[in-house]
Amino acid sequence: MVNDIFASSVGHDYLSCLCKSDPKGFESMVRSEIRKTINAVRDKESKQKLIRMQFVIDRTLRVYGDNRTARLNAMINLFWQGMNGLIAEHPEHKITPKQKTAEIVQLFHKK
């Protein structure tokens, strides 16, 4: 599902260089990979959820333009909003805010 360039050990160096030398080309490649990943999902409900999630990410990041630090902080906030939503939807796990993220994720993968 993921392009070989993303999975290879040389991928990071290539992508980093591409991002600096051709930001529009990099963005185009990222968009293409996101579309391919979403389109590979067969379940209609899951696909719609991913489309909505990507829309929220795009809308949120658009506000910050090229400010990488602000974009990173926005992504962290989106992540925690999602985690808080999972916690609220599944009170049976008795998750506390002090638990490590890895512990929280493991709770949901046990299903």
Protein backbone atom coordinates (compact mmCIF):
# COMPACT_ATOMS: atom_id res chain seq x y z
CA MET A 1 0.00 0.00 0.00
CA VAL A 2 2.82 2.39 0.79
CA ASN A 3 5.22 3.43 -1.93
CA ASP A 4 8.63 1.70 -1.66
CA ILE A 5 10.39 5.06 -1.32
CA PHE A 6 8.59 5.63 1.99
CA ALA A 7 9.52 2.20 3.32
CA SER A 8 13.18 2.16 2.29
CA SER A 9 16.04 3.17 4.53
CA VAL A 10 17.11 5.72 1.91
CA GLY A 11 13.58 7.11 1.84
CA HIS A 12 14.06 9.65 4.59
CA ASP A 13 17.12 11.21 2.96
CA TYR A 14 15.42 11.30 -0.43
CA LEU A 15 12.22 12.79 0.97
CA SER A 16 14.11 15.33 3.04
CA CYS A 17 16.08 16.43 -0.02
CA LEU A 18 12.95 16.53 -2.20
CA CYS A 19 11.10 18.59 0.41
CA LYS A 20 13.88 21.18 0.41
CA SER A 21 14.56 21.23 -3.34
CA ASP A 22 11.03 20.81 -4.69
CA PRO A 23 8.38 21.52 -2.03
CA LYS A 24 5.53 21.39 -4.56
CA GLY A 25 6.74 18.05 -5.92
CA PHE A 26 7.06 16.72 -2.39
CA GLU A 27 3.54 17.87 -1.51
CA SER A 28 2.19 16.31 -4.70
CA MET A 29 3.82 12.98 -3.86
CA VAL A 30 2.49 13.07 -0.30
CA ARG A 31 -1.04 13.85 -1.55
CA SER A 32 -0.80 10.98 -4.02
CA GLU A 33 0.26 8.55 -1.27
CA ILE A 34 -2.57 9.71 0.99
CA ARG A 35 -5.10 9.20 -1.82
CA LYS A 36 -3.71 5.74 -2.63
CA THR A 37 -3.82 4.72 1.02
CA ILE A 38 -7.40 5.90 1.48
CA ASN A 39 -8.52 4.34 -1.82
CA ALA A 40 -7.01 0.99 -0.78
CA VAL A 41 -9.45 0.75 2.13
CA ARG A 42 -12.31 -1.52 1.13
CA ASP A 43 -14.76 -0.84 3.96
CA LYS A 44 -16.92 2.13 2.95
CA GLU A 45 -17.43 3.38 6.50
CA SER A 46 -13.71 3.26 7.28
CA LYS A 47 -12.90 4.99 4.00
CA GLN A 48 -15.36 7.81 4.79
CA LYS A 49 -13.85 8.16 8.26
CA LEU A 50 -10.35 8.48 6.75
CA ILE A 51 -11.55 11.06 4.23
CA ARG A 52 -13.11 13.12 7.03
CA MET A 53 -9.97 12.77 9.13
CA GLN A 54 -7.76 13.95 6.27
CA PHE A 55 -10.10 16.89 5.67
CA VAL A 56 -9.77 17.94 9.33
CA ILE A 57 -5.97 17.60 9.17
CA ASP A 58 -5.76 19.65 5.96
CA ARG A 59 -8.11 22.33 7.28
CA THR A 60 -6.20 22.57 10.56
CA LEU A 61 -2.74 22.74 8.99
CA ARG A 62 -3.77 25.27 6.32
CA VAL A 63 -4.07 27.91 9.05
CA TYR A 64 -0.37 27.63 9.90
CA GLY A 65 1.06 27.87 6.38
CA ASP A 66 4.78 27.08 6.34
CA ASN A 67 5.32 27.43 10.10
CA ARG A 68 6.57 23.90 10.78
CA THR A 69 6.60 24.23 14.57
CA ALA A 70 3.01 25.48 14.66
CA ARG A 71 1.97 22.70 12.24
CA LEU A 72 3.64 20.06 14.42
CA ASN A 73 1.91 21.43 17.52
CA ALA A 74 -1.42 21.38 15.67
CA MET A 75 -0.86 17.73 14.69
CA ILE A 76 -0.03 16.84 18.30
CA ASN A 77 -3.24 18.55 19.42
CA LEU A 78 -5.27 16.64 16.81
CA PHE A 79 -3.69 13.41 18.00
CA TRP A 80 -4.64 14.09 21.62
CA GLN A 81 -8.16 15.15 20.64
CA GLY A 82 -8.51 11.78 18.96
CA MET A 83 -7.09 9.95 21.96
CA ASN A 84 -9.41 11.84 24.30
CA GLY A 85 -12.32 10.86 22.05
CA LEU A 86 -11.32 7.20 22.28
CA ILE A 87 -11.01 7.48 26.03
CA ALA A 88 -14.47 9.05 26.30
CA GLU A 89 -16.00 6.37 24.04
CA HIS A 90 -14.48 3.50 26.04
CA PRO A 91 -14.77 4.25 29.78
CA GLU A 92 -14.42 0.52 30.51
CA HIS A 93 -10.64 0.84 30.00
CA LYS A 94 -10.34 3.30 32.91
CA ILE A 95 -7.61 5.30 31.19
CA THR A 96 -6.01 8.15 33.11
CA PRO A 97 -4.37 11.21 31.54
CA LYS A 98 -1.01 10.20 33.06
CA GLN A 99 -0.81 6.87 31.23
CA LYS A 100 1.74 6.62 28.46
CA THR A 101 0.42 6.77 24.91
CA ALA A 102 1.84 3.31 24.14
CA GLU A 103 -0.15 1.83 27.03
CA ILE A 104 -3.34 3.46 25.79
CA VAL A 105 -2.83 2.25 22.22
CA GLN A 106 -2.22 -1.32 23.43
CA LEU A 107 -5.57 -1.31 25.22
CA PHE A 108 -7.37 -0.68 21.93
CA HIS A 109 -5.32 -3.23 19.95
CA LYS A 110 -6.26 -6.05 22.32
CA LYS A 111 -9.78 -6.19 20.87
